[in-house]
Structures are given as structure tokens and as C-alpha cells.
């Protein structure tokens, strides 16, 4: 495909994405407090900003700026309401004549909004790699039955990925690094202090389930919790996010994995 047509197709996709996703904003049913500044996803947004140049046609499965180093905010973020509610949306895209990287902010591993993202994968340019993580929001923002629902939703996602992605495409799940025992900032809601002490245990449960279930669908898992367990000194003060050195390390792990996949396939 020529560079010109590639760019034109991306321009059409902007309009398609905005129109499609507009219908899938879930309404919060519980009393979640608004935040004047949206709290970033645990690892997703920073990793997107480094992975943009990793590989052709990467879709990264939620800060919020209109443009960062040449990418474009397509939906949500500063185009909408900056909030820490579950309804927060952010879709970004970076493209050149050779590759495109797309980022989606999600607050649940599978729901109608995620299903709308899977429909995007059917449009050109189709992703060669899909890199995804969704855990902390799932297990801390959806009530007392969140772990059981997480397991059910993860299986639904895997089934849909098998249906949507062709065998030649690659799906990689990122195991979530554990949080600190003390969490600061707007990630958890006021009045939910008990969740702070339970979050490490719940994350361990969720990670174990992911590591057991996802490979049964033929997909890969990258255990960032294992790789980052000696890097706790590189966490940010909020106890959840990581500094730039840690993100560069995470990016290197992901790049190594993608390179090994390309070598196994005999790709350039």
C-alpha cells in the first residue's frame, strides 16, 4: 500500500472511530467521585508512548493531551471530560508511511466498549500485534464480585480475540506488576480504604488466573510482575505507576518478545 493511500485510510478511520465509540460510553451506576485531572492507567499510556516505534501496525490496549510527539488524540482525553470515572475514554493514534500504533484506554477487560474496539480491528490497517493489559480497574472498581466477573470477562475476551484475529496475527497479554502496600492519589475512590490492603492479594489472584487461562487460547503472556519485582525502588510516589527508567525496562522486555516472535515466524 502506498504512503498516500495509507494516510488517507487513517483519516477515514478517525471519523469511523469517533462515531462508533460514541455509542459505547457506559454510565456509572455507583457514586464515583470525579477528579479534575484524570488518573492515568497503571502502565498502558506510558508504554504506548514508547512502543509507537516498535513494530508495524501495533494496537495497544487508556495523559489525554491532544498530541504527544506527533501522535493524534482521536477520542476522549482532553476532547472530553478529564475524570477518573469508569466511563473515561481515550483513543490515540500515531502513523507514518510504514507503520501505525493505536492506543485505547480501557477500564474493563471486556464490555461493550471493548467489543467496539474489536470491531475496529476489522478495518484497515489491521493490527499485526495486539498488546493488552487490564487488571487494576477491573478488580477495584466493579464491586464485591469483581474477581469472579474478571475471570468471566477474561474468557469472553479470549474467545473474541480468537474469532477476530487471524492466526498470522499476535496477541500479547502483560501481567500486571503488583502495587505498593501504600497507595496515594486518585486511583482508588474515597471511602474504599479496605481495597488498598486487598489490592495486592487480588492482583496476585488475577495475575495467576491470566497466566493459566490465556495460554490455553494459544496466546502469549509476558510476566511483568516477575520482571519488575526487584525494581520497586523505581515506582512513583503514588505506589502504582513507574518512573521513566522502569518504563524503558518494560519496553525492552516487550521489544525482546516481539523480536522473538518475528524470528520464529521468519519475518523481517
C-alpha atoms as a PDB file:
ATOM      1  CA  UNK A   1       0.000   0.000   0.000  1.00  0.00           C
ATOM      2  CA  UNK A   2       1.368   3.404  -0.933  1.00  0.00           C
ATOM      3  CA  UNK A   3       2.104   6.051   1.668  1.00  0.00           C
ATOM      4  CA  UNK A   4      -0.618   8.313   0.347  1.00  0.00           C
ATOM      5  CA  UNK A   5      -3.387   5.726   0.435  1.00  0.00           C
ATOM      6  CA  UNK A   6      -2.198   4.578   3.863  1.00  0.00           C
ATOM      7  CA  UNK A   7      -2.568   8.116   5.211  1.00  0.00           C
ATOM      8  CA  UNK A   8      -5.974   8.564   3.554  1.00  0.00           C
ATOM      9  CA  UNK A   9      -7.294   5.358   5.098  1.00  0.00           C
ATOM     10  CA  UNK A  10      -6.182   6.533   8.535  1.00  0.00           C
ATOM     11  CA  UNK A  11      -8.031   9.813   8.075  1.00  0.00           C
ATOM     12  CA  UNK A  12     -11.223   7.902   7.358  1.00  0.00           C
ATOM     13  CA  UNK A  13     -10.642   5.738  10.411  1.00  0.00           C
ATOM     14  CA  UNK A  14     -10.604   8.827  12.681  1.00  0.00           C
ATOM     15  CA  UNK A  15     -14.203   9.601  11.772  1.00  0.00           C
ATOM     16  CA  UNK A  16     -15.233   5.965  11.996  1.00  0.00           C
ATOM     17  CA  UNK A  17     -13.710   5.599  15.466  1.00  0.00           C
ATOM     18  CA  UNK A  18     -15.354   8.734  16.825  1.00  0.00           C
ATOM     19  CA  UNK A  19     -18.773   7.766  15.506  1.00  0.00           C
ATOM     20  CA  UNK A  20     -18.561   4.148  16.654  1.00  0.00           C
ATOM     21  CA  UNK A  21     -17.212   4.691  20.154  1.00  0.00           C
ATOM     22  CA  UNK A  22     -19.613   7.498  20.948  1.00  0.00           C
ATOM     23  CA  UNK A  23     -22.366   4.933  21.420  1.00  0.00           C
ATOM     24  CA  UNK A  24     -20.478   2.795  23.928  1.00  0.00           C
ATOM     25  CA  UNK A  25     -19.819   5.135  26.846  1.00  0.00           C
ATOM     26  CA  UNK A  26     -21.088   3.264  29.878  1.00  0.00           C
ATOM     27  CA  UNK A  27     -22.875   5.298  32.549  1.00  0.00           C
ATOM     28  CA  UNK A  28     -21.527   4.827  36.083  1.00  0.00           C
ATOM     29  CA  UNK A  29     -24.145   3.379  38.403  1.00  0.00           C
ATOM     30  CA  UNK A  30     -22.341   3.922  41.705  1.00  0.00           C
ATOM     31  CA  UNK A  31     -21.232   7.111  43.442  1.00  0.00           C
ATOM     32  CA  UNK A  32     -17.793   7.534  41.907  1.00  0.00           C
ATOM     33  CA  UNK A  33     -16.124  10.836  42.696  1.00  0.00           C
ATOM     34  CA  UNK A  34     -14.945  12.991  39.816  1.00  0.00           C
ATOM     35  CA  UNK A  35     -11.373  14.165  39.583  1.00  0.00           C
ATOM     36  CA  UNK A  36     -10.337  17.425  37.960  1.00  0.00           C
ATOM     37  CA  UNK A  37      -7.404  15.570  36.407  1.00  0.00           C
ATOM     38  CA  UNK A  38      -7.781  12.030  35.119  1.00  0.00           C
ATOM     39  CA  UNK A  39      -5.592   9.410  36.813  1.00  0.00           C
ATOM     40  CA  UNK A  40      -3.551   7.530  34.200  1.00  0.00           C
ATOM     41  CA  UNK A  41      -3.860   3.803  33.514  1.00  0.00           C
ATOM     42  CA  UNK A  42      -1.404   1.697  35.522  1.00  0.00           C
ATOM     43  CA  UNK A  43       1.095   1.036  32.697  1.00  0.00           C
ATOM     44  CA  UNK A  44      -0.748   1.398  29.408  1.00  0.00           C
ATOM     45  CA  UNK A  45      -0.365   5.036  28.403  1.00  0.00           C
ATOM     46  CA  UNK A  46       3.336   5.380  29.126  1.00  0.00           C
ATOM     47  CA  UNK A  47       4.091   2.100  27.364  1.00  0.00           C
ATOM     48  CA  UNK A  48       2.117   3.240  24.308  1.00  0.00           C
ATOM     49  CA  UNK A  49       4.293   6.323  24.049  1.00  0.00           C
ATOM     50  CA  UNK A  50       7.416   4.163  23.912  1.00  0.00           C
ATOM     51  CA  UNK A  51       6.000   1.339  21.779  1.00  0.00           C
ATOM     52  CA  UNK A  52       4.904   3.569  18.917  1.00  0.00           C
ATOM     53  CA  UNK A  53       8.120   2.863  17.063  1.00  0.00           C
ATOM     54  CA  UNK A  54       8.406  -0.822  17.943  1.00  0.00           C
ATOM     55  CA  UNK A  55       6.593  -2.600  15.103  1.00  0.00           C
ATOM     56  CA  UNK A  56       4.275  -2.016  12.129  1.00  0.00           C
ATOM     57  CA  UNK A  57       0.571  -1.875  12.946  1.00  0.00           C
ATOM     58  CA  UNK A  58       0.558  -2.279  16.730  1.00  0.00           C
ATOM     59  CA  UNK A  59      -2.687  -1.788  18.647  1.00  0.00           C
ATOM     60  CA  UNK A  60      -2.111  -1.064  22.319  1.00  0.00           C
ATOM     61  CA  UNK A  61      -4.916  -1.909  24.635  1.00  0.00           C
ATOM     62  CA  UNK A  62      -6.366   4.382  28.385  1.00  0.00           C
ATOM     63  CA  UNK A  63      -2.477  11.815  29.764  1.00  0.00           C
ATOM     64  CA  UNK A  64      -5.171  12.921  27.467  1.00  0.00           C
ATOM     65  CA  UNK A  65      -3.165  15.568  25.582  1.00  0.00           C
ATOM     66  CA  UNK A  66      -4.172  16.498  22.017  1.00  0.00           C
ATOM     67  CA  UNK A  67      -0.807  15.400  20.645  1.00  0.00           C
ATOM     68  CA  UNK A  68       2.342  13.796  22.027  1.00  0.00           C
ATOM     69  CA  UNK A  69       5.462  13.598  19.837  1.00  0.00           C
ATOM     70  CA  UNK A  70       3.421  13.623  16.649  1.00  0.00           C
ATOM     71  CA  UNK A  71       0.518  11.339  17.527  1.00  0.00           C
ATOM     72  CA  UNK A  72      -3.142  12.410  17.471  1.00  0.00           C
ATOM     73  CA  UNK A  73      -5.881  12.200  20.086  1.00  0.00           C
ATOM     74  CA  UNK A  74      -8.863  10.692  18.272  1.00  0.00           C
ATOM     75  CA  UNK A  75     -11.421  10.439  21.039  1.00  0.00           C
ATOM     76  CA  UNK A  76     -11.798  11.257  24.739  1.00  0.00           C
ATOM     77  CA  UNK A  77      -8.938  12.686  26.771  1.00  0.00           C
ATOM     78  CA  UNK A  78      -8.912  16.470  26.590  1.00  0.00           C
ATOM     79  CA  UNK A  79     -11.538  16.283  23.838  1.00  0.00           C
ATOM     80  CA  UNK A  80     -13.971  15.160  26.528  1.00  0.00           C
ATOM     81  CA  UNK A  81     -14.176  15.100  30.316  1.00  0.00           C
ATOM     82  CA  UNK A  82     -10.954  14.507  32.242  1.00  0.00           C
ATOM     83  CA  UNK A  83     -12.159  12.226  35.014  1.00  0.00           C
ATOM     84  CA  UNK A  84     -11.221   9.126  36.991  1.00  0.00           C
ATOM     85  CA  UNK A  85     -14.625   7.543  36.419  1.00  0.00           C
ATOM     86  CA  UNK A  86     -15.035   4.171  34.737  1.00  0.00           C
ATOM     87  CA  UNK A  87     -16.555   5.958  31.755  1.00  0.00           C
ATOM     88  CA  UNK A  88     -13.248   7.639  30.867  1.00  0.00           C
ATOM     89  CA  UNK A  89     -12.187   7.123  27.253  1.00  0.00           C
ATOM     90  CA  UNK A  90      -9.001   7.874  25.364  1.00  0.00           C
ATOM     91  CA  UNK A  91      -8.082   6.733  21.851  1.00  0.00           C
ATOM     92  CA  UNK A  92      -4.786   7.822  20.301  1.00  0.00           C
ATOM     93  CA  UNK A  93      -3.033   7.040  17.037  1.00  0.00           C
ATOM     94  CA  UNK A  94       0.435   7.544  15.607  1.00  0.00           C
ATOM     95  CA  UNK A  95       1.165   6.761  11.975  1.00  0.00           C
ATOM     96  CA  UNK A  96       3.886   7.043   9.373  1.00  0.00           C
ATOM     97  CA  UNK A  97       4.222   5.734   5.821  1.00  0.00           C
ATOM     98  CA  UNK A  98       5.472   2.472   7.331  1.00  0.00           C
ATOM     99  CA  UNK A  99       3.506   1.729  10.488  1.00  0.00           C
ATOM    100  CA  UNK A 100       0.638   2.721  12.750  1.00  0.00           C
ATOM    101  CA  UNK A 101       0.314   2.415  16.520  1.00  0.00           C
ATOM    102  CA  UNK A 102      -3.068   2.835  18.160  1.00  0.00           C
ATOM    103  CA  UNK A 103      -3.782   3.165  21.890  1.00  0.00           C
ATOM    104  CA  UNK A 104      -7.097   2.505  23.629  1.00  0.00           C
ATOM    105  CA  UNK A 105      -7.686   3.259  27.315  1.00  0.00           C
ATOM    106  CA  UNK A 106      -9.960   0.614  28.844  1.00  0.00           C
ATOM    107  CA  UNK A 107     -11.295   0.247  32.375  1.00  0.00           C
ATOM    108  CA  UNK A 108     -12.578  -3.322  31.989  1.00  0.00           C
ATOM    109  CA  UNK A 109     -11.131  -6.355  30.260  1.00  0.00           C
ATOM    110  CA  UNK A 110     -14.343  -6.975  28.328  1.00  0.00           C
ATOM    111  CA  UNK A 111     -17.545  -4.951  27.967  1.00  0.00           C
ATOM    112  CA  UNK A 112     -19.497  -3.343  25.096  1.00  0.00           C
ATOM    113  CA  UNK A 113     -16.803  -0.705  24.658  1.00  0.00           C
ATOM    114  CA  UNK A 114     -14.066  -3.329  24.286  1.00  0.00           C
ATOM    115  CA  UNK A 115     -16.299  -5.135  21.798  1.00  0.00           C
ATOM    116  CA  UNK A 116     -16.446  -1.921  19.757  1.00  0.00           C
ATOM    117  CA  UNK A 117     -12.630  -1.863  19.747  1.00  0.00           C
ATOM    118  CA  UNK A 118     -12.545  -5.413  18.411  1.00  0.00           C
ATOM    119  CA  UNK A 119     -14.738  -4.244  15.555  1.00  0.00           C
ATOM    120  CA  UNK A 120     -12.102  -1.606  14.761  1.00  0.00           C
ATOM    121  CA  UNK A 121      -9.620  -4.427  14.171  1.00  0.00           C
ATOM    122  CA  UNK A 122     -11.610  -5.457  11.109  1.00  0.00           C
ATOM    123  CA  UNK A 123     -10.855  -2.137   9.399  1.00  0.00           C
ATOM    124  CA  UNK A 124      -7.593  -1.329   7.626  1.00  0.00           C
ATOM    125  CA  UNK A 125      -4.912  -1.089   8.741  1.00  0.00           C
ATOM    126  CA  UNK A 126      -5.446  -4.341  10.648  1.00  0.00           C
ATOM    127  CA  UNK A 127      -3.074  -4.837  13.600  1.00  0.00           C
ATOM    128  CA  UNK A 128      -0.163  -7.262  13.341  1.00  0.00           C
ATOM    129  CA  UNK A 129       0.278  -7.171  17.118  1.00  0.00           C
ATOM    130  CA  UNK A 130      -2.208  -6.518  19.913  1.00  0.00           C
ATOM    131  CA  UNK A 131      -0.674  -5.776  23.314  1.00  0.00           C
ATOM    132  CA  UNK A 132      -3.110  -5.592  26.219  1.00  0.00           C
ATOM    133  CA  UNK A 133      -3.358  -5.222  29.974  1.00  0.00           C
ATOM    134  CA  UNK A 134      -6.430  -4.658  32.117  1.00  0.00           C
ATOM    135  CA  UNK A 135      -6.461  -5.641  35.784  1.00  0.00           C
ATOM    136  CA  UNK A 136      -6.372  -2.933  38.464  1.00  0.00           C
ATOM    137  CA  UNK A 137      -9.529  -1.145  37.344  1.00  0.00           C
ATOM    138  CA  UNK A 138     -11.355  -4.466  36.916  1.00  0.00           C
ATOM    139  CA  UNK A 139     -10.658  -5.714  40.436  1.00  0.00           C
ATOM    140  CA  UNK A 140     -11.068  -2.435  42.328  1.00  0.00           C
ATOM    141  CA  UNK A 141     -13.879  -0.519  40.629  1.00  0.00           C
ATOM    142  CA  UNK A 142     -16.656  -3.025  39.978  1.00  0.00           C
ATOM    143  CA  UNK A 143     -17.960  -4.147  43.354  1.00  0.00           C
ATOM    144  CA  UNK A 144     -17.530  -7.133  45.660  1.00  0.00           C
ATOM    145  CA  UNK A 145     -17.893  -9.696  42.876  1.00  0.00           C
ATOM    146  CA  UNK A 146     -15.197  -8.133  40.736  1.00  0.00           C
ATOM    147  CA  UNK A 147     -12.757 -11.088  40.758  1.00  0.00           C
ATOM    148  CA  UNK A 148     -15.382 -13.576  39.570  1.00  0.00           C
ATOM    149  CA  UNK A 149     -16.570 -11.136  36.912  1.00  0.00           C
ATOM    150  CA  UNK A 150     -12.966 -10.525  35.854  1.00  0.00           C
ATOM    151  CA  UNK A 151     -12.439 -14.226  35.233  1.00  0.00           C
ATOM    152  CA  UNK A 152     -15.635 -14.477  33.234  1.00  0.00           C
ATOM    153  CA  UNK A 153     -14.850 -11.363  31.202  1.00  0.00           C
ATOM    154  CA  UNK A 154     -11.292 -12.524  30.505  1.00  0.00           C
ATOM    155  CA  UNK A 155     -12.588 -15.760  28.991  1.00  0.00           C
ATOM    156  CA  UNK A 156     -15.036 -13.772  26.885  1.00  0.00           C
ATOM    157  CA  UNK A 157     -12.226 -11.553  25.634  1.00  0.00           C
ATOM    158  CA  UNK A 158     -10.022 -14.505  24.734  1.00  0.00           C
ATOM    159  CA  UNK A 159     -12.848 -16.173  22.835  1.00  0.00           C
ATOM    160  CA  UNK A 160     -13.484 -12.984  20.879  1.00  0.00           C
ATOM    161  CA  UNK A 161      -9.767 -12.477  20.167  1.00  0.00           C
ATOM    162  CA  UNK A 162      -9.618 -15.971  18.690  1.00  0.00           C
ATOM    163  CA  UNK A 163     -12.525 -15.049  16.431  1.00  0.00           C
ATOM    164  CA  UNK A 164     -11.258 -11.602  15.419  1.00  0.00           C
ATOM    165  CA  UNK A 165      -7.506 -12.116  14.984  1.00  0.00           C
ATOM    166  CA  UNK A 166      -6.157 -14.213  12.150  1.00  0.00           C
ATOM    167  CA  UNK A 167      -3.624 -16.953  13.027  1.00  0.00           C
ATOM    168  CA  UNK A 168      -0.848 -14.833  11.484  1.00  0.00           C
ATOM    169  CA  UNK A 169      -1.507 -12.023  13.987  1.00  0.00           C
ATOM    170  CA  UNK A 170      -0.113 -11.932  17.513  1.00  0.00           C
ATOM    171  CA  UNK A 171      -1.764 -11.181  20.866  1.00  0.00           C
ATOM    172  CA  UNK A 172       0.357 -10.463  23.931  1.00  0.00           C
ATOM    173  CA  UNK A 173      -1.014 -10.103  27.459  1.00  0.00           C
ATOM    174  CA  UNK A 174       1.006  -8.117  30.014  1.00  0.00           C
ATOM    175  CA  UNK A 175       0.821  -9.462  33.569  1.00  0.00           C
ATOM    176  CA  UNK A 176       0.274  -6.544  35.956  1.00  0.00           C
ATOM    177  CA  UNK A 177       3.118  -5.611  38.333  1.00  0.00           C
ATOM    178  CA  UNK A 178       1.994  -5.514  41.947  1.00  0.00           C
ATOM    179  CA  UNK A 179       1.297  -2.167  43.557  1.00  0.00           C
ATOM    180  CA  UNK A 180       2.934  -0.814  46.672  1.00  0.00           C
ATOM    181  CA  UNK A 181       1.302  -1.550  50.022  1.00  0.00           C
ATOM    182  CA  UNK A 182       0.578   2.167  50.363  1.00  0.00           C
ATOM    183  CA  UNK A 183      -1.309   3.827  47.513  1.00  0.00           C
ATOM    184  CA  UNK A 184      -1.677   7.581  47.125  1.00  0.00           C
ATOM    185  CA  UNK A 185      -3.601   9.679  44.647  1.00  0.00           C
ATOM    186  CA  UNK A 186      -6.882   9.340  42.796  1.00  0.00           C
ATOM    187  CA  UNK A 187      -6.769   5.725  41.601  1.00  0.00           C
ATOM    188  CA  UNK A 188      -8.992   4.367  44.389  1.00  0.00           C
ATOM    189  CA  UNK A 189     -12.100   6.217  45.488  1.00  0.00           C
ATOM    190  CA  UNK A 190     -12.634   7.914  48.856  1.00  0.00           C
ATOM    191  CA  UNK A 191     -14.169   5.580  51.429  1.00  0.00           C
ATOM    192  CA  UNK A 192     -12.633   2.477  49.821  1.00  0.00           C
ATOM    193  CA  UNK A 193      -9.605   2.208  52.093  1.00  0.00           C
ATOM    194  CA  UNK A 194     -10.111  -1.531  52.644  1.00  0.00           C
ATOM    195  CA  UNK A 195      -9.438  -2.075  48.957  1.00  0.00           C
ATOM    196  CA  UNK A 196      -5.933  -0.700  49.472  1.00  0.00           C
ATOM    197  CA  UNK A 197      -4.958  -3.628  51.702  1.00  0.00           C
ATOM    198  CA  UNK A 198      -6.726  -6.171  49.484  1.00  0.00           C
ATOM    199  CA  UNK A 199      -5.370  -4.923  46.170  1.00  0.00           C
ATOM    200  CA  UNK A 200      -2.045  -6.804  46.252  1.00  0.00           C
ATOM    201  CA  UNK A 201      -3.785 -10.088  47.074  1.00  0.00           C
ATOM    202  CA  UNK A 202      -6.472  -9.518  44.438  1.00  0.00           C
ATOM    203  CA  UNK A 203      -3.835  -8.603  41.839  1.00  0.00           C
ATOM    204  CA  UNK A 204      -1.964 -11.837  42.600  1.00  0.00           C
ATOM    205  CA  UNK A 205      -5.186 -13.804  42.150  1.00  0.00           C
ATOM    206  CA  UNK A 206      -5.970 -12.081  38.865  1.00  0.00           C
ATOM    207  CA  UNK A 207      -2.415 -12.485  37.546  1.00  0.00           C
ATOM    208  CA  UNK A 208      -2.382 -16.193  38.359  1.00  0.00           C
ATOM    209  CA  UNK A 209      -5.666 -16.681  36.544  1.00  0.00           C
ATOM    210  CA  UNK A 210      -4.391 -14.780  33.484  1.00  0.00           C
ATOM    211  CA  UNK A 211      -1.184 -16.815  33.361  1.00  0.00           C
ATOM    212  CA  UNK A 212      -3.176 -20.054  33.475  1.00  0.00           C
ATOM    213  CA  UNK A 213      -6.049 -19.210  31.122  1.00  0.00           C
ATOM    214  CA  UNK A 214      -4.587 -17.065  28.327  1.00  0.00           C
ATOM    215  CA  UNK A 215      -2.060 -19.665  27.056  1.00  0.00           C
ATOM    216  CA  UNK A 216      -4.895 -22.197  26.662  1.00  0.00           C
ATOM    217  CA  UNK A 217      -6.243 -19.950  23.901  1.00  0.00           C
ATOM    218  CA  UNK A 218      -2.885 -20.008  22.111  1.00  0.00           C
ATOM    219  CA  UNK A 219      -1.821 -16.505  23.179  1.00  0.00           C
ATOM    220  CA  UNK A 220       1.376 -15.320  24.888  1.00  0.00           C
ATOM    221  CA  UNK A 221       1.798 -13.859  28.353  1.00  0.00           C
ATOM    222  CA  UNK A 222       4.640 -11.568  29.434  1.00  0.00           C
ATOM    223  CA  UNK A 223       5.035 -11.648  33.221  1.00  0.00           C
ATOM    224  CA  UNK A 224       5.941  -8.068  34.063  1.00  0.00           C
ATOM    225  CA  UNK A 225       5.250  -8.763  37.729  1.00  0.00           C
ATOM    226  CA  UNK A 226       8.133 -11.241  37.749  1.00  0.00           C
ATOM    227  CA  UNK A 227      10.498  -8.966  35.840  1.00  0.00           C
ATOM    228  CA  UNK A 228       9.695  -5.895  37.948  1.00  0.00           C
ATOM    229  CA  UNK A 229       9.741  -7.485  41.406  1.00  0.00           C
ATOM    230  CA  UNK A 230      13.297  -6.229  42.039  1.00  0.00           C
ATOM    231  CA  UNK A 231      12.515  -2.747  40.696  1.00  0.00           C
ATOM    232  CA  UNK A 232      10.165  -1.475  43.411  1.00  0.00           C
ATOM    233  CA  UNK A 233      12.500   1.476  44.040  1.00  0.00           C
ATOM    234  CA  UNK A 234      11.517   2.739  40.581  1.00  0.00           C
ATOM    235  CA  UNK A 235       7.846   3.152  41.446  1.00  0.00           C
ATOM    236  CA  UNK A 236       6.387   6.623  41.511  1.00  0.00           C
ATOM    237  CA  UNK A 237       5.277   8.050  44.863  1.00  0.00           C
ATOM    238  CA  UNK A 238       1.647   7.048  44.269  1.00  0.00           C
ATOM    239  CA  UNK A 239       2.619   3.381  44.651  1.00  0.00           C
ATOM    240  CA  UNK A 240       1.098   2.317  41.317  1.00  0.00           C
ATOM    241  CA  UNK A 241       2.917   3.972  38.441  1.00  0.00           C
ATOM    242  CA  UNK A 242       6.563   3.622  37.413  1.00  0.00           C
ATOM    243  CA  UNK A 243       9.255   6.138  36.560  1.00  0.00           C
ATOM    244  CA  UNK A 244      10.821   6.583  33.118  1.00  0.00           C
ATOM    245  CA  UNK A 245      13.676   4.151  33.786  1.00  0.00           C
ATOM    246  CA  UNK A 246      11.211   1.413  34.724  1.00  0.00           C
ATOM    247  CA  UNK A 247       9.135   2.064  31.613  1.00  0.00           C
ATOM    248  CA  UNK A 248      12.210   1.811  29.424  1.00  0.00           C
ATOM    249  CA  UNK A 249      12.945  -1.563  31.034  1.00  0.00           C
ATOM    250  CA  UNK A 250       9.355  -2.719  30.431  1.00  0.00           C
ATOM    251  CA  UNK A 251       9.575  -1.550  26.819  1.00  0.00           C
ATOM    252  CA  UNK A 252      12.760  -3.571  26.352  1.00  0.00           C
ATOM    253  CA  UNK A 253      11.039  -6.713  27.617  1.00  0.00           C
ATOM    254  CA  UNK A 254       8.178  -6.170  25.179  1.00  0.00           C
ATOM    255  CA  UNK A 255      10.523  -5.451  22.264  1.00  0.00           C
ATOM    256  CA  UNK A 256      12.522  -8.608  23.027  1.00  0.00           C
ATOM    257  CA  UNK A 257       9.326 -10.639  22.989  1.00  0.00           C
ATOM    258  CA  UNK A 258       8.105  -9.163  19.710  1.00  0.00           C
ATOM    259  CA  UNK A 259      11.510  -9.737  18.108  1.00  0.00           C
ATOM    260  CA  UNK A 260      11.471 -13.376  19.172  1.00  0.00           C
ATOM    261  CA  UNK A 261       8.000 -13.743  17.625  1.00  0.00           C
ATOM    262  CA  UNK A 262       9.199 -12.256  14.335  1.00  0.00           C
ATOM    263  CA  UNK A 263      12.258 -14.541  14.329  1.00  0.00           C
ATOM    264  CA  UNK A 264      10.090 -17.619  14.942  1.00  0.00           C
ATOM    265  CA  UNK A 265       7.874 -16.569  12.054  1.00  0.00           C
ATOM    266  CA  UNK A 266      10.807 -15.847   9.789  1.00  0.00           C
ATOM    267  CA  UNK A 267       9.697 -12.204   9.468  1.00  0.00           C
ATOM    268  CA  UNK A 268      11.990  -9.270   8.743  1.00  0.00           C
END
